[in-house]
Amino acid sequence: MTLGRQQSFYLLARLLVRDGARIGFEDPGFMDPRNVFAYNGAQVVPLPVDKQGAVPTADCQRCDYLYCLRWKPI
């Protein structure tokens, strides 16, 4: 339970992010979690999207975490 989305992003970032952690985000996508993770030291990796969701790229292979709403299966 959190007080809202912003607090949940903050708590996730504090729990998961270490300096230099690479997190893949949908681009375009929701900016709030991207900003919170970047503020906490994460390296944001943009992932392209199409109508089915995030498109896997070579960049996502090197990510520690992925934050996306929908994932396009390979």
PDB file of N, CA and C in Angstrom:
ATOM      1  N   MET A   1       0.834  -1.171   0.000  1.00  0.00           N
ATOM      2  CA  MET A   1       0.000   0.000   0.000  1.00  0.00           C
ATOM      3  C   MET A   1       0.880   1.236   0.000  1.00  0.00           C
ATOM      4  N   THR A   2       0.511   2.142  -0.866  1.00  0.00           N
ATOM      5  CA  THR A   2       1.202   3.428  -0.906  1.00  0.00           C
ATOM      6  C   THR A   2       0.154   4.535  -0.923  1.00  0.00           C
ATOM      7  N   LEU A   3       0.635   5.757  -0.818  1.00  0.00           N
ATOM      8  CA  LEU A   3      -0.270   6.894  -0.847  1.00  0.00           C
ATOM      9  C   LEU A   3      -0.620   7.311  -2.272  1.00  0.00           C
ATOM     10  N   GLY A   4      -0.038   6.651  -3.254  1.00  0.00           N
ATOM     11  CA  GLY A   4      -0.319   6.971  -4.645  1.00  0.00           C
ATOM     12  C   GLY A   4       0.796   6.493  -5.546  1.00  0.00           C
ATOM     13  N   ARG A   5       0.639   6.750  -6.843  1.00  0.00           N
ATOM     14  CA  ARG A   5       1.629   6.289  -7.815  1.00  0.00           C
ATOM     15  C   ARG A   5       3.001   6.880  -7.568  1.00  0.00           C
ATOM     16  N   GLN A   6       3.057   8.182  -7.282  1.00  0.00           N
ATOM     17  CA  GLN A   6       4.347   8.830  -7.083  1.00  0.00           C
ATOM     18  C   GLN A   6       5.134   8.165  -5.955  1.00  0.00           C
ATOM     19  N   GLN A   7       4.472   7.859  -4.860  1.00  0.00           N
ATOM     20  CA  GLN A   7       5.165   7.216  -3.754  1.00  0.00           C
ATOM     21  C   GLN A   7       5.613   5.811  -4.140  1.00  0.00           C
ATOM     22  N   SER A   8       4.797   5.098  -4.905  1.00  0.00           N
ATOM     23  CA  SER A   8       5.199   3.747  -5.314  1.00  0.00           C
ATOM     24  C   SER A   8       6.420   3.802  -6.225  1.00  0.00           C
ATOM     25  N   PHE A   9       6.498   4.801  -7.137  1.00  0.00           N
ATOM     26  CA  PHE A   9       7.691   4.946  -7.981  1.00  0.00           C
ATOM     27  C   PHE A   9       8.914   5.243  -7.128  1.00  0.00           C
ATOM     28  N   TYR A  10       8.734   6.129  -6.163  1.00  0.00           N
ATOM     29  CA  TYR A  10       9.841   6.487  -5.279  1.00  0.00           C
ATOM     30  C   TYR A  10      10.337   5.264  -4.503  1.00  0.00           C
ATOM     31  N   LEU A  11       9.421   4.491  -3.941  1.00  0.00           N
ATOM     32  CA  LEU A  11       9.811   3.320  -3.159  1.00  0.00           C
ATOM     33  C   LEU A  11      10.494   2.264  -4.023  1.00  0.00           C
ATOM     34  N   LEU A  12       9.975   2.045  -5.227  1.00  0.00           N
ATOM     35  CA  LEU A  12      10.614   1.095  -6.143  1.00  0.00           C
ATOM     36  C   LEU A  12      12.026   1.547  -6.507  1.00  0.00           C
ATOM     37  N   ALA A  13      12.168   2.817  -6.788  1.00  0.00           N
ATOM     38  CA  ALA A  13      13.484   3.342  -7.138  1.00  0.00           C
ATOM     39  C   ALA A  13      14.456   3.180  -5.983  1.00  0.00           C
ATOM     40  N   ARG A  14      14.020   3.492  -4.784  1.00  0.00           N
ATOM     41  CA  ARG A  14      14.906   3.357  -3.609  1.00  0.00           C
ATOM     42  C   ARG A  14      15.274   1.899  -3.356  1.00  0.00           C
ATOM     43  N   LEU A  15      14.361   0.991  -3.651  1.00  0.00           N
ATOM     44  CA  LEU A  15      14.598  -0.435  -3.430  1.00  0.00           C
ATOM     45  C   LEU A  15      15.509  -1.040  -4.498  1.00  0.00           C
ATOM     46  N   LEU A  16      15.283  -0.690  -5.753  1.00  0.00           N
ATOM     47  CA  LEU A  16      15.934  -1.388  -6.862  1.00  0.00           C
ATOM     48  C   LEU A  16      17.151  -0.698  -7.455  1.00  0.00           C
ATOM     49  N   VAL A  17      17.207   0.617  -7.387  1.00  0.00           N
ATOM     50  CA  VAL A  17      18.228   1.344  -8.132  1.00  0.00           C
ATOM     51  C   VAL A  17      19.510   1.498  -7.336  1.00  0.00           C
ATOM     52  N   ARG A  18      20.568   1.110  -7.972  1.00  0.00           N
ATOM     53  CA  ARG A  18      21.917   1.398  -7.490  1.00  0.00           C
ATOM     54  C   ARG A  18      22.528   2.316  -8.537  1.00  0.00           C
ATOM     55  N   ASP A  19      23.507   3.125  -8.179  1.00  0.00           N
ATOM     56  CA  ASP A  19      24.108   4.034  -9.157  1.00  0.00           C
ATOM     57  C   ASP A  19      24.522   3.275 -10.405  1.00  0.00           C
ATOM     58  N   GLY A  20      24.071   3.770 -11.534  1.00  0.00           N
ATOM     59  CA  GLY A  20      24.430   3.156 -12.803  1.00  0.00           C
ATOM     60  C   GLY A  20      23.520   2.043 -13.263  1.00  0.00           C
ATOM     61  N   ALA A  21      22.514   1.679 -12.478  1.00  0.00           N
ATOM     62  CA  ALA A  21      21.579   0.635 -12.918  1.00  0.00           C
ATOM     63  C   ALA A  21      20.902   1.106 -14.204  1.00  0.00           C
ATOM     64  N   ARG A  22      20.755   0.196 -15.150  1.00  0.00           N
ATOM     65  CA  ARG A  22      20.126   0.514 -16.436  1.00  0.00           C
ATOM     66  C   ARG A  22      18.682   0.029 -16.415  1.00  0.00           C
ATOM     67  N   ILE A  23      17.757   0.964 -16.666  1.00  0.00           N
ATOM     68  CA  ILE A  23      16.339   0.627 -16.661  1.00  0.00           C
ATOM     69  C   ILE A  23      15.736   1.040 -17.995  1.00  0.00           C
ATOM     70  N   GLY A  24      15.149   0.068 -18.686  1.00  0.00           N
ATOM     71  CA  GLY A  24      14.498   0.336 -19.960  1.00  0.00           C
ATOM     72  C   GLY A  24      13.090   0.869 -19.748  1.00  0.00           C
ATOM     73  N   PHE A  25      12.762   1.945 -20.459  1.00  0.00           N
ATOM     74  CA  PHE A  25      11.445   2.567 -20.387  1.00  0.00           C
ATOM     75  C   PHE A  25      10.878   2.728 -21.784  1.00  0.00           C
ATOM     76  N   GLU A  26       9.569   2.590 -21.893  1.00  0.00           N
ATOM     77  CA  GLU A  26       8.896   2.845 -23.156  1.00  0.00           C
ATOM     78  C   GLU A  26       9.115   4.300 -23.566  1.00  0.00           C
ATOM     79  N   ASP A  27       9.375   4.509 -24.861  1.00  0.00           N
ATOM     80  CA  ASP A  27       9.579   5.857 -25.373  1.00  0.00           C
ATOM     81  C   ASP A  27       8.792   6.031 -26.653  1.00  0.00           C
ATOM     82  N   PRO A  28       7.687   6.755 -26.660  1.00  0.00           N
ATOM     83  CA  PRO A  28       7.216   7.595 -25.571  1.00  0.00           C
ATOM     84  C   PRO A  28       6.538   6.766 -24.486  1.00  0.00           C
ATOM     85  N   GLY A  29       6.516   7.315 -23.314  1.00  0.00           N
ATOM     86  CA  GLY A  29       5.901   6.626 -22.187  1.00  0.00           C
ATOM     87  C   GLY A  29       5.650   7.584 -21.042  1.00  0.00           C
ATOM     88  N   PHE A  30       5.211   7.043 -19.939  1.00  0.00           N
ATOM     89  CA  PHE A  30       4.874   7.822 -18.751  1.00  0.00           C
ATOM     90  C   PHE A  30       6.157   8.410 -18.156  1.00  0.00           C
ATOM     91  N   MET A  31       6.236   9.735 -18.053  1.00  0.00           N
ATOM     92  CA  MET A  31       7.462  10.416 -17.638  1.00  0.00           C
ATOM     93  C   MET A  31       7.743  10.360 -16.139  1.00  0.00           C
ATOM     94  N   ASP A  32       6.717  10.287 -15.310  1.00  0.00           N
ATOM     95  CA  ASP A  32       6.934  10.352 -13.866  1.00  0.00           C
ATOM     96  C   ASP A  32       7.868   9.259 -13.351  1.00  0.00           C
ATOM     97  N   PRO A  33       7.613   7.976 -13.631  1.00  0.00           N
ATOM     98  CA  PRO A  33       8.542   6.967 -13.103  1.00  0.00           C
ATOM     99  C   PRO A  33       9.937   7.105 -13.709  1.00  0.00           C
ATOM    100  N   ARG A  34      10.020   7.477 -14.977  1.00  0.00           N
ATOM    101  CA  ARG A  34      11.326   7.667 -15.619  1.00  0.00           C
ATOM    102  C   ARG A  34      12.125   8.735 -14.879  1.00  0.00           C
ATOM    103  N   ASN A  35      11.475   9.838 -14.534  1.00  0.00           N
ATOM    104  CA  ASN A  35      12.164  10.915 -13.822  1.00  0.00           C
ATOM    105  C   ASN A  35      12.574  10.498 -12.418  1.00  0.00           C
ATOM    106  N   VAL A  36      11.720   9.782 -11.717  1.00  0.00           N
ATOM    107  CA  VAL A  36      12.038   9.339 -10.354  1.00  0.00           C
ATOM    108  C   VAL A  36      13.229   8.377 -10.369  1.00  0.00           C
ATOM    109  N   PHE A  37      13.237   7.428 -11.296  1.00  0.00           N
ATOM    110  CA  PHE A  37      14.352   6.482 -11.371  1.00  0.00           C
ATOM    111  C   PHE A  37      15.648   7.200 -11.750  1.00  0.00           C
ATOM    112  N   ALA A  38      15.586   8.122 -12.712  1.00  0.00           N
ATOM    113  CA  ALA A  38      16.783   8.870 -13.105  1.00  0.00           C
ATOM    114  C   ALA A  38      17.297   9.715 -11.944  1.00  0.00           C
ATOM    115  N   TYR A  39      16.404  10.351 -11.204  1.00  0.00           N
ATOM    116  CA  TYR A  39      16.798  11.158 -10.043  1.00  0.00           C
ATOM    117  C   TYR A  39      17.538  10.313  -9.002  1.00  0.00           C
ATOM    118  N   ASN A  40      17.172   9.037  -8.910  1.00  0.00           N
ATOM    119  CA  ASN A  40      17.799   8.146  -7.934  1.00  0.00           C
ATOM    120  C   ASN A  40      19.033   7.431  -8.478  1.00  0.00           C
ATOM    121  N   GLY A  41      19.541   7.877  -9.629  1.00  0.00           N
ATOM    122  CA  GLY A  41      20.817   7.378 -10.125  1.00  0.00           C
ATOM    123  C   GLY A  41      20.748   6.350 -11.234  1.00  0.00           C
ATOM    124  N   ALA A  42      19.570   6.039 -11.736  1.00  0.00           N
ATOM    125  CA  ALA A  42      19.451   5.047 -12.806  1.00  0.00           C
ATOM    126  C   ALA A  42      19.797   5.663 -14.149  1.00  0.00           C
ATOM    127  N   GLN A  43      20.321   4.833 -15.023  1.00  0.00           N
ATOM    128  CA  GLN A  43      20.531   5.229 -16.408  1.00  0.00           C
ATOM    129  C   GLN A  43      19.293   4.794 -17.186  1.00  0.00           C
ATOM    130  N   VAL A  44      18.590   5.740 -17.765  1.00  0.00           N
ATOM    131  CA  VAL A  44      17.348   5.470 -18.478  1.00  0.00           C
ATOM    132  C   VAL A  44      17.666   5.069 -19.919  1.00  0.00           C
ATOM    133  N   VAL A  45      17.129   3.905 -20.326  1.00  0.00           N
ATOM    134  CA  VAL A  45      17.325   3.407 -21.688  1.00  0.00           C
ATOM    135  C   VAL A  45      15.979   3.461 -22.403  1.00  0.00           C
ATOM    136  N   PRO A  46      15.840   4.326 -23.429  1.00  0.00           N
ATOM    137  CA  PRO A  46      14.563   4.415 -24.140  1.00  0.00           C
ATOM    138  C   PRO A  46      14.325   3.183 -25.014  1.00  0.00           C
ATOM    139  N   LEU A  47      13.118   2.640 -24.957  1.00  0.00           N
ATOM    140  CA  LEU A  47      12.731   1.506 -25.788  1.00  0.00           C
ATOM    141  C   LEU A  47      11.609   1.946 -26.718  1.00  0.00           C
ATOM    142  N   PRO A  48      11.744   1.698 -28.023  1.00  0.00           N
ATOM    143  CA  PRO A  48      10.676   2.094 -28.938  1.00  0.00           C
ATOM    144  C   PRO A  48       9.407   1.290 -28.676  1.00  0.00           C
ATOM    145  N   VAL A  49       8.276   1.867 -29.045  1.00  0.00           N
ATOM    146  CA  VAL A  49       6.993   1.178 -28.885  1.00  0.00           C
ATOM    147  C   VAL A  49       6.245   1.173 -30.211  1.00  0.00           C
ATOM    148  N   ASP A  50       5.388   0.197 -30.358  1.00  0.00           N
ATOM    149  CA  ASP A  50       4.433   0.184 -31.454  1.00  0.00           C
ATOM    150  C   ASP A  50       3.065  -0.077 -30.841  1.00  0.00           C
ATOM    151  N   LYS A  51       2.063  -0.365 -31.636  1.00  0.00           N
ATOM    152  CA  LYS A  51       0.711  -0.501 -31.082  1.00  0.00           C
ATOM    153  C   LYS A  51       0.558  -1.709 -30.156  1.00  0.00           C
ATOM    154  N   GLN A  52       1.515  -2.626 -30.154  1.00  0.00           N
ATOM    155  CA  GLN A  52       1.463  -3.791 -29.267  1.00  0.00           C
ATOM    156  C   GLN A  52       2.276  -3.608 -27.994  1.00  0.00           C
ATOM    157  N   GLY A  53       3.038  -2.542 -27.906  1.00  0.00           N
ATOM    158  CA  GLY A  53       3.811  -2.293 -26.700  1.00  0.00           C
ATOM    159  C   GLY A  53       5.283  -2.084 -26.983  1.00  0.00           C
ATOM    160  N   ALA A  54       6.120  -2.253 -25.970  1.00  0.00           N
ATOM    161  CA  ALA A  54       7.562  -2.042 -26.097  1.00  0.00           C
ATOM    162  C   ALA A  54       8.157  -3.073 -27.051  1.00  0.00           C
ATOM    163  N   VAL A  55       9.063  -2.593 -27.899  1.00  0.00           N
ATOM    164  CA  VAL A  55       9.706  -3.453 -28.883  1.00  0.00           C
ATOM    165  C   VAL A  55      11.083  -3.850 -28.348  1.00  0.00           C
ATOM    166  N   PRO A  56      11.373  -5.150 -28.228  1.00  0.00           N
ATOM    167  CA  PRO A  56      12.684  -5.577 -27.736  1.00  0.00           C
ATOM    168  C   PRO A  56      13.800  -5.116 -28.681  1.00  0.00           C
ATOM    169  N   THR A  57      14.851  -4.569 -28.106  1.00  0.00           N
ATOM    170  CA  THR A  57      16.022  -4.137 -28.879  1.00  0.00           C
ATOM    171  C   THR A  57      17.267  -4.702 -28.214  1.00  0.00           C
ATOM    172  N   ALA A  58      18.395  -4.529 -28.869  1.00  0.00           N
ATOM    173  CA  ALA A  58      19.661  -4.977 -28.280  1.00  0.00           C
ATOM    174  C   ALA A  58      19.938  -4.229 -26.980  1.00  0.00           C
ATOM    175  N   ASP A  59      19.483  -2.975 -26.880  1.00  0.00           N
ATOM    176  CA  ASP A  59      19.698  -2.190 -25.660  1.00  0.00           C
ATOM    177  C   ASP A  59      19.032  -2.819 -24.442  1.00  0.00           C
ATOM    178  N   CYS A  60      17.866  -3.442 -24.626  1.00  0.00           N
ATOM    179  CA  CYS A  60      17.165  -3.999 -23.464  1.00  0.00           C
ATOM    180  C   CYS A  60      17.882  -5.249 -22.933  1.00  0.00           C
ATOM    181  N   GLN A  61      18.735  -5.857 -23.734  1.00  0.00           N
ATOM    182  CA  GLN A  61      19.512  -7.004 -23.261  1.00  0.00           C
ATOM    183  C   GLN A  61      20.479  -6.606 -22.146  1.00  0.00           C
ATOM    184  N   ARG A  62      20.910  -5.356 -22.169  1.00  0.00           N
ATOM    185  CA  ARG A  62      21.874  -4.873 -21.170  1.00  0.00           C
ATOM    186  C   ARG A  62      21.210  -4.148 -20.004  1.00  0.00           C
ATOM    187  N   CYS A  63      19.883  -4.172 -19.958  1.00  0.00           N
ATOM    188  CA  CYS A  63      19.159  -3.498 -18.870  1.00  0.00           C
ATOM    189  C   CYS A  63      19.076  -4.402 -17.640  1.00  0.00           C
ATOM    190  N   ASP A  64      19.132  -3.779 -16.488  1.00  0.00           N
ATOM    191  CA  ASP A  64      18.930  -4.504 -15.237  1.00  0.00           C
ATOM    192  C   ASP A  64      17.444  -4.726 -14.983  1.00  0.00           C
ATOM    193  N   TYR A  65      16.624  -3.753 -15.385  1.00  0.00           N
ATOM    194  CA  TYR A  65      15.173  -3.822 -15.204  1.00  0.00           C
ATOM    195  C   TYR A  65      14.490  -3.215 -16.423  1.00  0.00           C
ATOM    196  N   LEU A  66      13.242  -3.611 -16.640  1.00  0.00           N
ATOM    197  CA  LEU A  66      12.395  -3.002 -17.661  1.00  0.00           C
ATOM    198  C   LEU A  66      11.138  -2.484 -16.988  1.00  0.00           C
ATOM    199  N   TYR A  67      10.742  -1.276 -17.322  1.00  0.00           N
ATOM    200  CA  TYR A  67       9.502  -0.697 -16.828  1.00  0.00           C
ATOM    201  C   TYR A  67       8.635  -0.433 -18.033  1.00  0.00           C
ATOM    202  N   CYS A  68       7.599  -1.227 -18.189  1.00  0.00           N
ATOM    203  CA  CYS A  68       6.724  -1.032 -19.344  1.00  0.00           C
ATOM    204  C   CYS A  68       5.311  -1.505 -19.001  1.00  0.00           C
ATOM    205  N   LEU A  69       4.361  -0.955 -19.735  1.00  0.00           N
ATOM    206  CA  LEU A  69       2.972  -1.340 -19.531  1.00  0.00           C
ATOM    207  C   LEU A  69       2.613  -2.554 -20.364  1.00  0.00           C
ATOM    208  N   ARG A  70       3.159  -2.619 -21.561  1.00  0.00           N
ATOM    209  CA  ARG A  70       2.890  -3.764 -22.431  1.00  0.00           C
ATOM    210  C   ARG A  70       4.193  -4.161 -23.105  1.00  0.00           C
ATOM    211  N   TRP A  71       4.400  -5.452 -23.230  1.00  0.00           N
ATOM    212  CA  TRP A  71       5.626  -5.979 -23.824  1.00  0.00           C
ATOM    213  C   TRP A  71       5.266  -6.761 -25.068  1.00  0.00           C
ATOM    214  N   LYS A  72       5.935  -6.478 -26.171  1.00  0.00           N
ATOM    215  CA  LYS A  72       5.702  -7.177 -27.428  1.00  0.00           C
ATOM    216  C   LYS A  72       6.518  -8.467 -27.411  1.00  0.00           C
ATOM    217  N   PRO A  73       5.876  -9.628 -27.485  1.00  0.00           N
ATOM    218  CA  PRO A  73       6.640 -10.892 -27.459  1.00  0.00           C
ATOM    219  C   PRO A  73       7.499 -11.049 -28.693  1.00  0.00           C
ATOM    220  N   ILE A  74       8.606 -11.725 -28.528  1.00  0.00           N
ATOM    221  CA  ILE A  74       9.539 -11.970 -29.640  1.00  0.00           C
ATOM    222  C   ILE A  74       8.986 -13.067 -30.525  1.00  0.00           C
TER     223      ILE A  74
END
